[in-house]
Amino acid sequence: MGARYILGVDEAGRGPLAGPLALGVISVQEDFDIKAAFPGLNDSKQVLPEKREELFSILKEYEAKNVIRYSVNFASHRFIDSRGITPAAKFAAARGIRTLLPDPEEGKIFLDGLLKAPRGYEQETIIHGDALVPAIMLASIAAKVTRDRFMVRMAKRYPAYGFEQHKGYGTPEHIEKLRTYGSCPVHRLSFLSNILSASISV
């Protein structure tokens, strides 16, 4: 029997008012020491942006050496609006998992929060797994950095909203811009009804 793999799965961007949901999946051989290879690794929400970029660069180096494989899949704002956030996460997770582990017999998957792998995979969902399981931590870094970079690109396309600062989250500044300018093509309209209706009623 060949080497078995550990997969970590986590998402970034469940709550923002704009942009996609990002689903990160990483795959390593089960004897690989992730914590030793990634000093300072933690849940992406607990790591400063500069450190996240550093950890992501290390990930890219290991990928180039075929030591680690990773995938970040987006579920678009349109998918979220039409299907809902939970189906969006399920869709993106399944795509990433099947890409990195086509044969369910070859590994085990650790997922954060309420995420689930497709049927047939050995899996364990861990509440707060992004703070407990290194493979999930690394998946959270991959998802967060990739999504943040996408939102910085969207800031250049739609400069009025300040996406480079808040990455689409509902900060007071973002909400103020929404009430001033309305939505743009990357906003999740299903998330905006209360905000935009309040703006109209004022």
N, C-alpha and C. Protein backbone atom coordinates (compact mmCIF):
# COMPACT_ATOMS: atom_id res chain seq x y z
N MET A 1 0.85 -1.19 0.00
CA MET A 1 0.00 0.00 0.00
C MET A 1 0.88 1.24 0.00
N GLY A 2 0.54 2.25 -0.80
CA GLY A 2 1.32 3.47 -0.88
C GLY A 2 1.12 4.37 0.32
N ALA A 3 1.76 5.52 0.25
CA ALA A 3 1.67 6.48 1.35
C ALA A 3 0.23 6.96 1.52
N ARG A 4 -0.14 7.16 2.78
CA ARG A 4 -1.45 7.75 3.06
C ARG A 4 -1.28 9.25 3.26
N TYR A 5 -2.34 9.96 2.97
CA TYR A 5 -2.30 11.41 3.00
C TYR A 5 -3.27 11.96 4.04
N ILE A 6 -2.87 13.10 4.58
CA ILE A 6 -3.73 13.89 5.44
C ILE A 6 -4.15 15.13 4.66
N LEU A 7 -5.44 15.40 4.64
CA LEU A 7 -5.94 16.62 4.01
C LEU A 7 -6.54 17.53 5.08
N GLY A 8 -6.25 18.81 4.97
CA GLY A 8 -6.88 19.82 5.80
C GLY A 8 -7.77 20.69 4.95
N VAL A 9 -8.93 21.04 5.47
CA VAL A 9 -9.92 21.82 4.71
C VAL A 9 -10.45 22.95 5.58
N ASP A 10 -10.43 24.16 5.02
CA ASP A 10 -11.02 25.31 5.72
C ASP A 10 -11.45 26.34 4.70
N GLU A 11 -12.30 27.24 5.15
CA GLU A 11 -12.86 28.26 4.27
C GLU A 11 -12.43 29.65 4.73
N ALA A 12 -12.55 30.59 3.82
CA ALA A 12 -12.38 32.01 4.14
C ALA A 12 -13.43 32.78 3.37
N GLY A 13 -14.04 33.75 4.04
CA GLY A 13 -14.99 34.61 3.36
C GLY A 13 -16.43 34.16 3.45
N ARG A 14 -16.82 33.55 4.56
CA ARG A 14 -18.23 33.17 4.73
C ARG A 14 -19.10 34.40 4.98
N GLY A 15 -18.58 35.36 5.72
CA GLY A 15 -19.41 36.47 6.16
C GLY A 15 -19.40 37.75 5.35
N PRO A 16 -18.46 37.97 4.44
CA PRO A 16 -18.41 39.26 3.74
C PRO A 16 -19.65 39.57 2.92
N LEU A 17 -19.79 40.85 2.63
CA LEU A 17 -20.89 41.33 1.80
C LEU A 17 -20.56 41.28 0.32
N ALA A 18 -19.31 41.01 -0.01
CA ALA A 18 -18.88 41.01 -1.41
C ALA A 18 -17.81 39.95 -1.62
N GLY A 19 -17.71 39.51 -2.86
CA GLY A 19 -16.66 38.58 -3.24
C GLY A 19 -17.03 37.13 -2.99
N PRO A 20 -16.13 36.22 -3.36
CA PRO A 20 -16.41 34.79 -3.28
C PRO A 20 -16.16 34.22 -1.89
N LEU A 21 -16.64 33.01 -1.70
CA LEU A 21 -16.21 32.15 -0.60
C LEU A 21 -15.03 31.35 -1.12
N ALA A 22 -13.94 31.30 -0.35
CA ALA A 22 -12.75 30.54 -0.74
C ALA A 22 -12.64 29.30 0.13
N LEU A 23 -12.37 28.18 -0.51
CA LEU A 23 -12.24 26.92 0.20
C LEU A 23 -10.84 26.36 -0.03
N GLY A 24 -10.03 26.33 1.02
CA GLY A 24 -8.67 25.84 0.92
C GLY A 24 -8.58 24.37 1.31
N VAL A 25 -7.81 23.62 0.53
CA VAL A 25 -7.54 22.21 0.83
C VAL A 25 -6.04 21.99 0.67
N ILE A 26 -5.40 21.37 1.66
CA ILE A 26 -3.99 21.02 1.53
C ILE A 26 -3.84 19.51 1.75
N SER A 27 -2.85 18.94 1.10
CA SER A 27 -2.60 17.50 1.19
C SER A 27 -1.13 17.25 1.47
N VAL A 28 -0.86 16.48 2.53
CA VAL A 28 0.51 16.10 2.87
C VAL A 28 0.52 14.62 3.24
N GLN A 29 1.70 13.99 3.11
CA GLN A 29 1.83 12.63 3.62
C GLN A 29 1.69 12.67 5.14
N GLU A 30 1.12 11.61 5.68
CA GLU A 30 0.72 11.64 7.09
C GLU A 30 1.91 11.76 8.05
N ASP A 31 3.12 11.49 7.59
CA ASP A 31 4.28 11.62 8.48
C ASP A 31 4.97 12.99 8.35
N PHE A 32 4.40 13.90 7.57
CA PHE A 32 5.00 15.23 7.39
C PHE A 32 4.65 16.11 8.58
N ASP A 33 5.66 16.78 9.14
CA ASP A 33 5.47 17.63 10.33
C ASP A 33 5.18 19.06 9.88
N ILE A 34 3.92 19.40 9.79
CA ILE A 34 3.52 20.73 9.30
C ILE A 34 3.99 21.83 10.23
N LYS A 35 3.84 21.64 11.53
CA LYS A 35 4.20 22.70 12.49
C LYS A 35 5.69 23.02 12.42
N ALA A 36 6.52 22.01 12.21
CA ALA A 36 7.96 22.25 12.12
C ALA A 36 8.31 22.98 10.83
N ALA A 37 7.58 22.69 9.76
CA ALA A 37 7.87 23.29 8.46
C ALA A 37 7.36 24.72 8.34
N PHE A 38 6.37 25.08 9.18
CA PHE A 38 5.73 26.39 9.09
C PHE A 38 5.76 27.08 10.46
N PRO A 39 6.91 27.65 10.84
CA PRO A 39 7.01 28.31 12.14
C PRO A 39 5.99 29.44 12.27
N GLY A 40 5.31 29.47 13.40
CA GLY A 40 4.32 30.52 13.63
C GLY A 40 2.96 30.24 13.04
N LEU A 41 2.75 29.03 12.53
CA LEU A 41 1.47 28.68 11.92
C LEU A 41 0.36 28.71 12.96
N ASN A 42 -0.77 29.29 12.56
CA ASN A 42 -1.95 29.35 13.42
C ASN A 42 -3.16 29.54 12.52
N ASP A 43 -4.32 29.61 13.14
CA ASP A 43 -5.52 29.99 12.40
C ASP A 43 -5.27 31.32 11.70
N SER A 44 -5.68 31.43 10.44
CA SER A 44 -5.38 32.64 9.66
C SER A 44 -5.92 33.90 10.31
N LYS A 45 -7.01 33.77 11.08
CA LYS A 45 -7.58 34.96 11.73
C LYS A 45 -6.70 35.46 12.86
N GLN A 46 -5.79 34.61 13.35
CA GLN A 46 -4.90 34.98 14.45
C GLN A 46 -3.51 35.37 13.98
N VAL A 47 -3.31 35.43 12.67
CA VAL A 47 -1.99 35.71 12.10
C VAL A 47 -2.04 37.03 11.35
N LEU A 48 -1.04 37.88 11.55
CA LEU A 48 -0.99 39.16 10.86
C LEU A 48 -0.84 38.95 9.35
N PRO A 49 -1.35 39.89 8.54
CA PRO A 49 -1.29 39.72 7.08
C PRO A 49 0.11 39.43 6.55
N GLU A 50 1.13 40.11 7.10
CA GLU A 50 2.49 39.88 6.62
C GLU A 50 2.94 38.45 6.91
N LYS A 51 2.57 37.93 8.07
CA LYS A 51 2.93 36.55 8.43
C LYS A 51 2.16 35.56 7.56
N ARG A 52 0.90 35.86 7.27
CA ARG A 52 0.14 34.99 6.38
C ARG A 52 0.81 34.87 5.02
N GLU A 53 1.27 36.01 4.50
CA GLU A 53 1.95 36.00 3.20
C GLU A 53 3.24 35.17 3.28
N GLU A 54 3.97 35.30 4.39
CA GLU A 54 5.20 34.53 4.57
C GLU A 54 4.90 33.03 4.59
N LEU A 55 3.88 32.64 5.34
CA LEU A 55 3.51 31.22 5.41
C LEU A 55 3.04 30.71 4.05
N PHE A 56 2.32 31.55 3.33
CA PHE A 56 1.86 31.15 2.00
C PHE A 56 3.03 30.96 1.04
N SER A 57 4.06 31.80 1.18
CA SER A 57 5.26 31.65 0.35
C SER A 57 5.96 30.33 0.64
N ILE A 58 6.01 29.95 1.92
CA ILE A 58 6.60 28.65 2.28
C ILE A 58 5.78 27.52 1.67
N LEU A 59 4.46 27.66 1.72
CA LEU A 59 3.59 26.66 1.11
C LEU A 59 3.90 26.49 -0.38
N LYS A 60 4.08 27.62 -1.07
CA LYS A 60 4.38 27.56 -2.50
C LYS A 60 5.72 26.86 -2.75
N GLU A 61 6.68 27.08 -1.85
CA GLU A 61 7.98 26.42 -1.99
C GLU A 61 7.85 24.90 -1.85
N TYR A 62 7.08 24.47 -0.86
CA TYR A 62 6.88 23.03 -0.68
C TYR A 62 6.08 22.43 -1.83
N GLU A 63 5.15 23.21 -2.37
CA GLU A 63 4.40 22.73 -3.53
C GLU A 63 5.34 22.52 -4.72
N ALA A 64 6.26 23.46 -4.92
CA ALA A 64 7.20 23.34 -6.04
C ALA A 64 8.08 22.10 -5.92
N LYS A 65 8.31 21.67 -4.68
CA LYS A 65 9.12 20.47 -4.43
C LYS A 65 8.27 19.19 -4.40
N ASN A 66 6.97 19.33 -4.65
CA ASN A 66 6.04 18.20 -4.62
C ASN A 66 5.94 17.55 -3.25
N VAL A 67 6.17 18.35 -2.21
CA VAL A 67 6.04 17.87 -0.84
C VAL A 67 4.62 18.08 -0.33
N ILE A 68 4.02 19.20 -0.70
CA ILE A 68 2.66 19.54 -0.33
C ILE A 68 1.89 19.89 -1.60
N ARG A 69 0.65 19.47 -1.64
CA ARG A 69 -0.25 19.91 -2.70
C ARG A 69 -1.36 20.74 -2.05
N TYR A 70 -1.80 21.75 -2.77
CA TYR A 70 -2.91 22.53 -2.23
C TYR A 70 -3.82 23.00 -3.35
N SER A 71 -5.04 23.34 -2.96
CA SER A 71 -6.04 23.83 -3.90
C SER A 71 -6.89 24.87 -3.18
N VAL A 72 -7.18 25.97 -3.86
CA VAL A 72 -8.16 26.94 -3.35
C VAL A 72 -9.23 27.12 -4.42
N ASN A 73 -10.44 26.76 -4.07
CA ASN A 73 -11.57 26.89 -4.99
C ASN A 73 -12.51 27.98 -4.50
N PHE A 74 -13.02 28.76 -5.44
CA PHE A 74 -13.97 29.81 -5.12
C PHE A 74 -15.40 29.36 -5.44
N ALA A 75 -16.32 29.75 -4.58
CA ALA A 75 -17.74 29.76 -4.93
C ALA A 75 -18.11 31.23 -5.08
N SER A 76 -18.55 31.61 -6.25
CA SER A 76 -18.73 33.03 -6.57
C SER A 76 -19.88 33.66 -5.80
N HIS A 77 -19.90 34.99 -5.80
CA HIS A 77 -21.00 35.71 -5.17
C HIS A 77 -22.33 35.34 -5.83
N ARG A 78 -22.31 35.06 -7.12
CA ARG A 78 -23.54 34.67 -7.82
C ARG A 78 -24.03 33.31 -7.33
N PHE A 79 -23.10 32.38 -7.15
CA PHE A 79 -23.46 31.06 -6.61
C PHE A 79 -24.06 31.21 -5.22
N ILE A 80 -23.43 32.03 -4.39
CA ILE A 80 -23.92 32.26 -3.03
C ILE A 80 -25.32 32.84 -3.06
N ASP A 81 -25.55 33.81 -3.95
CA ASP A 81 -26.87 34.43 -4.04
C ASP A 81 -27.94 33.45 -4.51
N SER A 82 -27.57 32.57 -5.42
CA SER A 82 -28.58 31.68 -6.00
C SER A 82 -28.80 30.42 -5.18
N ARG A 83 -27.76 29.94 -4.49
CA ARG A 83 -27.86 28.65 -3.81
C ARG A 83 -27.74 28.75 -2.29
N GLY A 84 -27.11 29.80 -1.79
CA GLY A 84 -26.89 29.93 -0.36
C GLY A 84 -25.44 29.64 0.02
N ILE A 85 -25.04 30.11 1.19
CA ILE A 85 -23.64 30.02 1.59
C ILE A 85 -23.23 28.58 1.93
N THR A 86 -24.10 27.81 2.57
CA THR A 86 -23.73 26.44 2.93
C THR A 86 -23.58 25.54 1.71
N PRO A 87 -24.51 25.55 0.75
CA PRO A 87 -24.26 24.78 -0.48
C PRO A 87 -23.02 25.25 -1.23
N ALA A 88 -22.73 26.56 -1.16
CA ALA A 88 -21.53 27.08 -1.82
C ALA A 88 -20.28 26.46 -1.21
N ALA A 89 -20.24 26.40 0.12
CA ALA A 89 -19.09 25.80 0.80
C ALA A 89 -18.97 24.31 0.47
N LYS A 90 -20.09 23.62 0.44
CA LYS A 90 -20.09 22.19 0.12
C LYS A 90 -19.57 21.94 -1.30
N PHE A 91 -20.01 22.77 -2.23
CA PHE A 91 -19.58 22.65 -3.63
C PHE A 91 -18.08 22.86 -3.76
N ALA A 92 -17.57 23.94 -3.17
CA ALA A 92 -16.15 24.26 -3.31
C ALA A 92 -15.28 23.23 -2.60
N ALA A 93 -15.73 22.76 -1.43
CA ALA A 93 -14.97 21.74 -0.70
C ALA A 93 -14.88 20.45 -1.50
N ALA A 94 -15.98 20.02 -2.06
CA ALA A 94 -15.98 18.77 -2.82
C ALA A 94 -15.04 18.85 -4.01
N ARG A 95 -15.03 19.99 -4.69
CA ARG A 95 -14.17 20.14 -5.86
C ARG A 95 -12.70 20.05 -5.46
N GLY A 96 -12.33 20.74 -4.37
CA GLY A 96 -10.94 20.71 -3.93
C GLY A 96 -10.51 19.34 -3.44
N ILE A 97 -11.37 18.69 -2.68
CA ILE A 97 -11.03 17.37 -2.13
C ILE A 97 -10.86 16.35 -3.24
N ARG A 98 -11.77 16.35 -4.20
CA ARG A 98 -11.68 15.37 -5.29
C ARG A 98 -10.47 15.62 -6.18
N THR A 99 -10.04 16.88 -6.25
CA THR A 99 -8.84 17.19 -7.03
C THR A 99 -7.59 16.61 -6.37
N LEU A 100 -7.49 16.77 -5.04
CA LEU A 100 -6.28 16.36 -4.34
C LEU A 100 -6.30 14.91 -3.86
N LEU A 101 -7.47 14.34 -3.72
CA LEU A 101 -7.57 12.95 -3.25
C LEU A 101 -8.64 12.22 -4.06
N PRO A 102 -8.32 11.91 -5.32
CA PRO A 102 -9.32 11.24 -6.16
C PRO A 102 -9.78 9.90 -5.60
N ASP A 103 -8.86 9.19 -4.94
CA ASP A 103 -9.17 7.88 -4.36
C ASP A 103 -9.41 8.04 -2.86
N PRO A 104 -10.64 7.90 -2.40
CA PRO A 104 -10.93 8.08 -0.97
C PRO A 104 -10.15 7.15 -0.05
N GLU A 105 -9.65 6.04 -0.59
CA GLU A 105 -8.94 5.07 0.24
C GLU A 105 -7.54 5.54 0.62
N GLU A 106 -7.05 6.60 -0.01
CA GLU A 106 -5.65 6.98 0.16
C GLU A 106 -5.40 8.00 1.26
N GLY A 107 -6.43 8.43 1.98
CA GLY A 107 -6.16 9.42 3.00
C GLY A 107 -7.34 9.70 3.89
N LYS A 108 -7.10 10.59 4.86
CA LYS A 108 -8.13 11.05 5.79
C LYS A 108 -8.20 12.56 5.72
N ILE A 109 -9.42 13.07 5.86
CA ILE A 109 -9.66 14.50 5.72
C ILE A 109 -10.09 15.08 7.06
N PHE A 110 -9.45 16.19 7.42
CA PHE A 110 -9.83 16.95 8.61
C PHE A 110 -10.42 18.28 8.16
N LEU A 111 -11.62 18.57 8.62
CA LEU A 111 -12.34 19.77 8.19
C LEU A 111 -12.70 20.64 9.38
N ASP A 112 -12.72 21.93 9.13
CA ASP A 112 -13.06 22.88 10.19
C ASP A 112 -14.56 23.09 10.27
N GLY A 113 -15.02 23.35 11.49
CA GLY A 113 -16.38 23.84 11.70
C GLY A 113 -17.45 22.87 11.27
N LEU A 114 -18.31 23.33 10.36
CA LEU A 114 -19.43 22.52 9.90
C LEU A 114 -19.20 21.94 8.51
N LEU A 115 -17.98 22.05 8.00
CA LEU A 115 -17.69 21.55 6.66
C LEU A 115 -17.71 20.02 6.63
N LYS A 116 -18.08 19.49 5.48
CA LYS A 116 -18.09 18.05 5.30
C LYS A 116 -17.50 17.70 3.94
N ALA A 117 -16.84 16.55 3.88
CA ALA A 117 -16.34 16.02 2.62
C ALA A 117 -17.45 15.21 1.95
N PRO A 118 -17.30 14.92 0.66
CA PRO A 118 -18.28 14.05 0.00
C PRO A 118 -18.34 12.68 0.67
N ARG A 119 -19.44 12.01 0.47
CA ARG A 119 -19.59 10.65 1.02
C ARG A 119 -18.50 9.73 0.47
N GLY A 120 -18.11 8.79 1.31
CA GLY A 120 -17.11 7.82 0.89
C GLY A 120 -15.71 8.14 1.36
N TYR A 121 -15.51 9.36 1.86
CA TYR A 121 -14.19 9.75 2.37
C TYR A 121 -14.13 9.57 3.89
N GLU A 122 -13.00 9.07 4.37
CA GLU A 122 -12.76 9.07 5.81
C GLU A 122 -12.53 10.50 6.24
N GLN A 123 -13.32 10.98 7.19
CA GLN A 123 -13.27 12.40 7.51
C GLN A 123 -13.60 12.65 8.97
N GLU A 124 -13.11 13.79 9.44
CA GLU A 124 -13.41 14.24 10.80
C GLU A 124 -13.58 15.74 10.77
N THR A 125 -14.75 16.19 11.20
CA THR A 125 -15.03 17.62 11.30
C THR A 125 -14.78 18.06 12.73
N ILE A 126 -13.98 19.11 12.90
CA ILE A 126 -13.54 19.54 14.22
C ILE A 126 -13.92 21.00 14.43
N ILE A 127 -14.74 21.24 15.44
CA ILE A 127 -15.09 22.61 15.79
C ILE A 127 -13.82 23.34 16.24
N HIS A 128 -13.61 24.54 15.70
CA HIS A 128 -12.39 25.31 15.95
C HIS A 128 -11.14 24.55 15.49
N GLY A 129 -11.31 23.72 14.49
CA GLY A 129 -10.18 22.96 13.97
C GLY A 129 -9.08 23.84 13.42
N ASP A 130 -9.45 25.05 12.97
CA ASP A 130 -8.42 25.96 12.44
C ASP A 130 -7.50 26.49 13.52
N ALA A 131 -7.83 26.24 14.78
CA ALA A 131 -6.94 26.60 15.88
C ALA A 131 -6.29 25.38 16.53
N LEU A 132 -6.64 24.19 16.04
CA LEU A 132 -6.19 22.96 16.70
C LEU A 132 -5.40 22.02 15.80
N VAL A 133 -5.72 21.96 14.53
CA VAL A 133 -5.15 20.96 13.63
C VAL A 133 -4.27 21.66 12.59
N PRO A 134 -2.96 21.37 12.57
CA PRO A 134 -2.07 22.08 11.64
C PRO A 134 -2.50 22.02 10.18
N ALA A 135 -3.00 20.89 9.73
CA ALA A 135 -3.42 20.79 8.33
C ALA A 135 -4.57 21.75 8.03
N ILE A 136 -5.48 21.92 8.98
CA ILE A 136 -6.58 22.87 8.80
C ILE A 136 -6.06 24.29 8.88
N MET A 137 -5.13 24.56 9.80
CA MET A 137 -4.52 25.89 9.88
C MET A 137 -3.93 26.30 8.54
N LEU A 138 -3.19 25.38 7.92
CA LEU A 138 -2.52 25.69 6.66
C LEU A 138 -3.54 25.90 5.55
N ALA A 139 -4.61 25.12 5.56
CA ALA A 139 -5.68 25.33 4.58
C ALA A 139 -6.33 26.69 4.77
N SER A 140 -6.47 27.13 6.02
CA SER A 140 -7.06 28.44 6.28
C SER A 140 -6.16 29.56 5.77
N ILE A 141 -4.85 29.39 5.90
CA ILE A 141 -3.91 30.38 5.37
C ILE A 141 -4.03 30.46 3.85
N ALA A 142 -4.04 29.31 3.19
CA ALA A 142 -4.14 29.29 1.72
C ALA A 142 -5.43 29.96 1.25
N ALA A 143 -6.53 29.65 1.91
CA ALA A 143 -7.81 30.23 1.51
C ALA A 143 -7.84 31.73 1.75
N LYS A 144 -7.37 32.16 2.91
CA LYS A 144 -7.42 33.57 3.27
C LYS A 144 -6.53 34.42 2.36
N VAL A 145 -5.30 34.00 2.15
CA VAL A 145 -4.38 34.78 1.32
C VAL A 145 -4.90 34.86 -0.12
N THR A 146 -5.35 33.74 -0.65
CA THR A 146 -5.83 33.72 -2.03
C THR A 146 -7.05 34.61 -2.19
N ARG A 147 -7.97 34.54 -1.24
CA ARG A 147 -9.17 35.39 -1.33
C ARG A 147 -8.82 36.86 -1.16
N ASP A 148 -7.95 37.18 -0.20
CA ASP A 148 -7.56 38.58 0.01
C ASP A 148 -6.92 39.17 -1.24
N ARG A 149 -6.07 38.40 -1.90
CA ARG A 149 -5.44 38.89 -3.13
C ARG A 149 -6.49 39.15 -4.20
N PHE A 150 -7.48 38.29 -4.28
CA PHE A 150 -8.56 38.50 -5.25
C PHE A 150 -9.30 39.81 -4.95
N MET A 151 -9.58 40.06 -3.68
CA MET A 151 -10.33 41.28 -3.33
C MET A 151 -9.50 42.53 -3.57
N VAL A 152 -8.19 42.45 -3.45
CA VAL A 152 -7.33 43.59 -3.80
C VAL A 152 -7.44 43.87 -5.30
N ARG A 153 -7.50 42.82 -6.10
CA ARG A 153 -7.71 43.03 -7.54
C ARG A 153 -9.07 43.65 -7.81
N MET A 154 -10.08 43.23 -7.07
CA MET A 154 -11.41 43.81 -7.25
C MET A 154 -11.44 45.28 -6.84
N ALA A 155 -10.58 45.66 -5.90
CA ALA A 155 -10.50 47.06 -5.48
C ALA A 155 -10.05 47.95 -6.63
N LYS A 156 -9.20 47.42 -7.49
CA LYS A 156 -8.75 48.21 -8.64
C LYS A 156 -9.86 48.35 -9.68
N ARG A 157 -10.72 47.35 -9.75
CA ARG A 157 -11.82 47.39 -10.71
C ARG A 157 -12.97 48.25 -10.19
N TYR A 158 -13.20 48.20 -8.87
CA TYR A 158 -14.30 48.95 -8.25
C TYR A 158 -13.73 49.77 -7.09
N PRO A 159 -13.03 50.84 -7.38
CA PRO A 159 -12.26 51.56 -6.35
C PRO A 159 -13.09 52.30 -5.32
N ALA A 160 -14.36 52.50 -5.55
CA ALA A 160 -15.17 53.30 -4.63
C ALA A 160 -15.39 52.62 -3.28
N TYR A 161 -15.21 51.30 -3.21
CA TYR A 161 -15.67 50.57 -2.03
C TYR A 161 -14.58 50.25 -1.01
N GLY A 162 -13.32 50.41 -1.36
CA GLY A 162 -12.25 50.13 -0.40
C GLY A 162 -12.02 48.66 -0.12
N PHE A 163 -12.25 47.81 -1.12
CA PHE A 163 -12.08 46.37 -0.92
C PHE A 163 -10.67 46.00 -0.46
N GLU A 164 -9.68 46.80 -0.84
CA GLU A 164 -8.30 46.47 -0.45
C GLU A 164 -8.12 46.57 1.06
N GLN A 165 -8.99 47.30 1.73
CA GLN A 165 -8.90 47.46 3.18
C GLN A 165 -9.68 46.38 3.93
N HIS A 166 -10.94 46.21 3.59
CA HIS A 166 -11.82 45.33 4.38
C HIS A 166 -12.12 43.99 3.73
N LYS A 167 -11.68 43.81 2.48
CA LYS A 167 -11.83 42.54 1.75
C LYS A 167 -13.29 42.11 1.60
N GLY A 168 -14.19 43.08 1.64
CA GLY A 168 -15.60 42.79 1.43
C GLY A 168 -16.41 42.63 2.69
N TYR A 169 -15.75 42.62 3.85
CA TYR A 169 -16.49 42.48 5.10
C TYR A 169 -17.30 43.74 5.40
N GLY A 170 -18.29 43.60 6.27
CA GLY A 170 -19.24 44.68 6.52
C GLY A 170 -18.76 45.69 7.54
N THR A 171 -17.65 46.32 7.28
CA THR A 171 -17.16 47.38 8.16
C THR A 171 -18.04 48.61 8.04
N PRO A 172 -18.00 49.51 9.02
CA PRO A 172 -18.78 50.75 8.90
C PRO A 172 -18.46 51.52 7.62
N GLU A 173 -17.19 51.55 7.24
CA GLU A 173 -16.79 52.27 6.03
C GLU A 173 -17.41 51.63 4.79
N HIS A 174 -17.40 50.31 4.75
CA HIS A 174 -17.98 49.60 3.61
C HIS A 174 -19.49 49.86 3.52
N ILE A 175 -20.16 49.77 4.65
CA ILE A 175 -21.61 50.00 4.66
C ILE A 175 -21.93 51.42 4.24
N GLU A 176 -21.13 52.37 4.67
CA GLU A 176 -21.33 53.76 4.26
C GLU A 176 -21.21 53.90 2.74
N LYS A 177 -20.20 53.23 2.16
CA LYS A 177 -20.02 53.29 0.71
C LYS A 177 -21.21 52.64 -0.01
N LEU A 178 -21.71 51.55 0.53
CA LEU A 178 -22.86 50.89 -0.07
C LEU A 178 -24.07 51.80 -0.07
N ARG A 179 -24.27 52.50 1.02
CA ARG A 179 -25.43 53.39 1.11
C ARG A 179 -25.27 54.62 0.23
N THR A 180 -24.03 54.95 -0.08
CA THR A 180 -23.77 56.10 -0.96
C THR A 180 -23.87 55.71 -2.43
N TYR A 181 -23.25 54.59 -2.80
CA TYR A 181 -23.12 54.22 -4.21
C TYR A 181 -23.99 53.05 -4.63
N GLY A 182 -24.61 52.34 -3.68
CA GLY A 182 -25.29 51.11 -4.04
C GLY A 182 -24.29 49.98 -4.24
N SER A 183 -24.76 48.86 -4.74
CA SER A 183 -23.90 47.69 -4.90
C SER A 183 -23.11 47.76 -6.20
N CYS A 184 -22.07 46.93 -6.27
CA CYS A 184 -21.30 46.76 -7.51
C CYS A 184 -21.43 45.30 -7.94
N PRO A 185 -20.90 44.92 -9.10
CA PRO A 185 -21.13 43.57 -9.61
C PRO A 185 -20.56 42.42 -8.79
N VAL A 186 -19.72 42.67 -7.79
CA VAL A 186 -19.21 41.55 -6.98
C VAL A 186 -19.84 41.50 -5.60
N HIS A 187 -20.84 42.32 -5.33
CA HIS A 187 -21.53 42.24 -4.05
C HIS A 187 -22.49 41.05 -4.03
N ARG A 188 -22.67 40.50 -2.83
CA ARG A 188 -23.63 39.42 -2.61
C ARG A 188 -24.98 40.08 -2.32
N LEU A 189 -25.83 40.13 -3.29
CA LEU A 189 -27.08 40.87 -3.12
C LEU A 189 -27.95 40.27 -2.02
N SER A 190 -27.85 38.95 -1.83
CA SER A 190 -28.65 38.31 -0.78
C SER A 190 -28.21 38.73 0.61
N PHE A 191 -27.01 39.31 0.73
CA PHE A 191 -26.51 39.77 2.02
C PHE A 191 -26.82 41.25 2.27
N LEU A 192 -27.36 41.93 1.27
CA LEU A 192 -27.44 43.39 1.32
C LEU A 192 -28.84 43.94 1.55
N SER A 193 -29.85 43.08 1.62
CA SER A 193 -31.22 43.58 1.61
C SER A 193 -31.49 44.55 2.75
N ASN A 194 -31.04 44.22 3.95
CA ASN A 194 -31.29 45.11 5.09
C ASN A 194 -30.52 46.42 4.96
N ILE A 195 -29.29 46.34 4.46
CA ILE A 195 -28.47 47.54 4.33
C ILE A 195 -29.05 48.48 3.29
N LEU A 196 -29.37 47.94 2.12
CA LEU A 196 -29.85 48.79 1.04
C LEU A 196 -31.27 49.28 1.30
N SER A 197 -32.11 48.47 1.95
CA SER A 197 -33.46 48.93 2.27
C SER A 197 -33.42 50.03 3.31
N ALA A 198 -32.48 49.94 4.25
CA ALA A 198 -32.33 51.02 5.24
C ALA A 198 -31.90 52.31 4.56
N SER A 199 -31.05 52.17 3.55
CA SER A 199 -30.59 53.35 2.82
C SER A 199 -31.75 54.01 2.09
N ILE A 200 -32.62 53.20 1.49
CA ILE A 200 -33.75 53.74 0.73
C ILE A 200 -34.75 54.42 1.66
N SER A 201 -34.91 53.87 2.87
CA SER A 201 -35.93 54.41 3.78
C SER A 201 -35.51 55.68 4.47
N VAL A 202 -34.20 55.99 4.44
CA VAL A 202 -33.73 57.19 5.13
C VAL A 202 -34.18 58.44 4.39
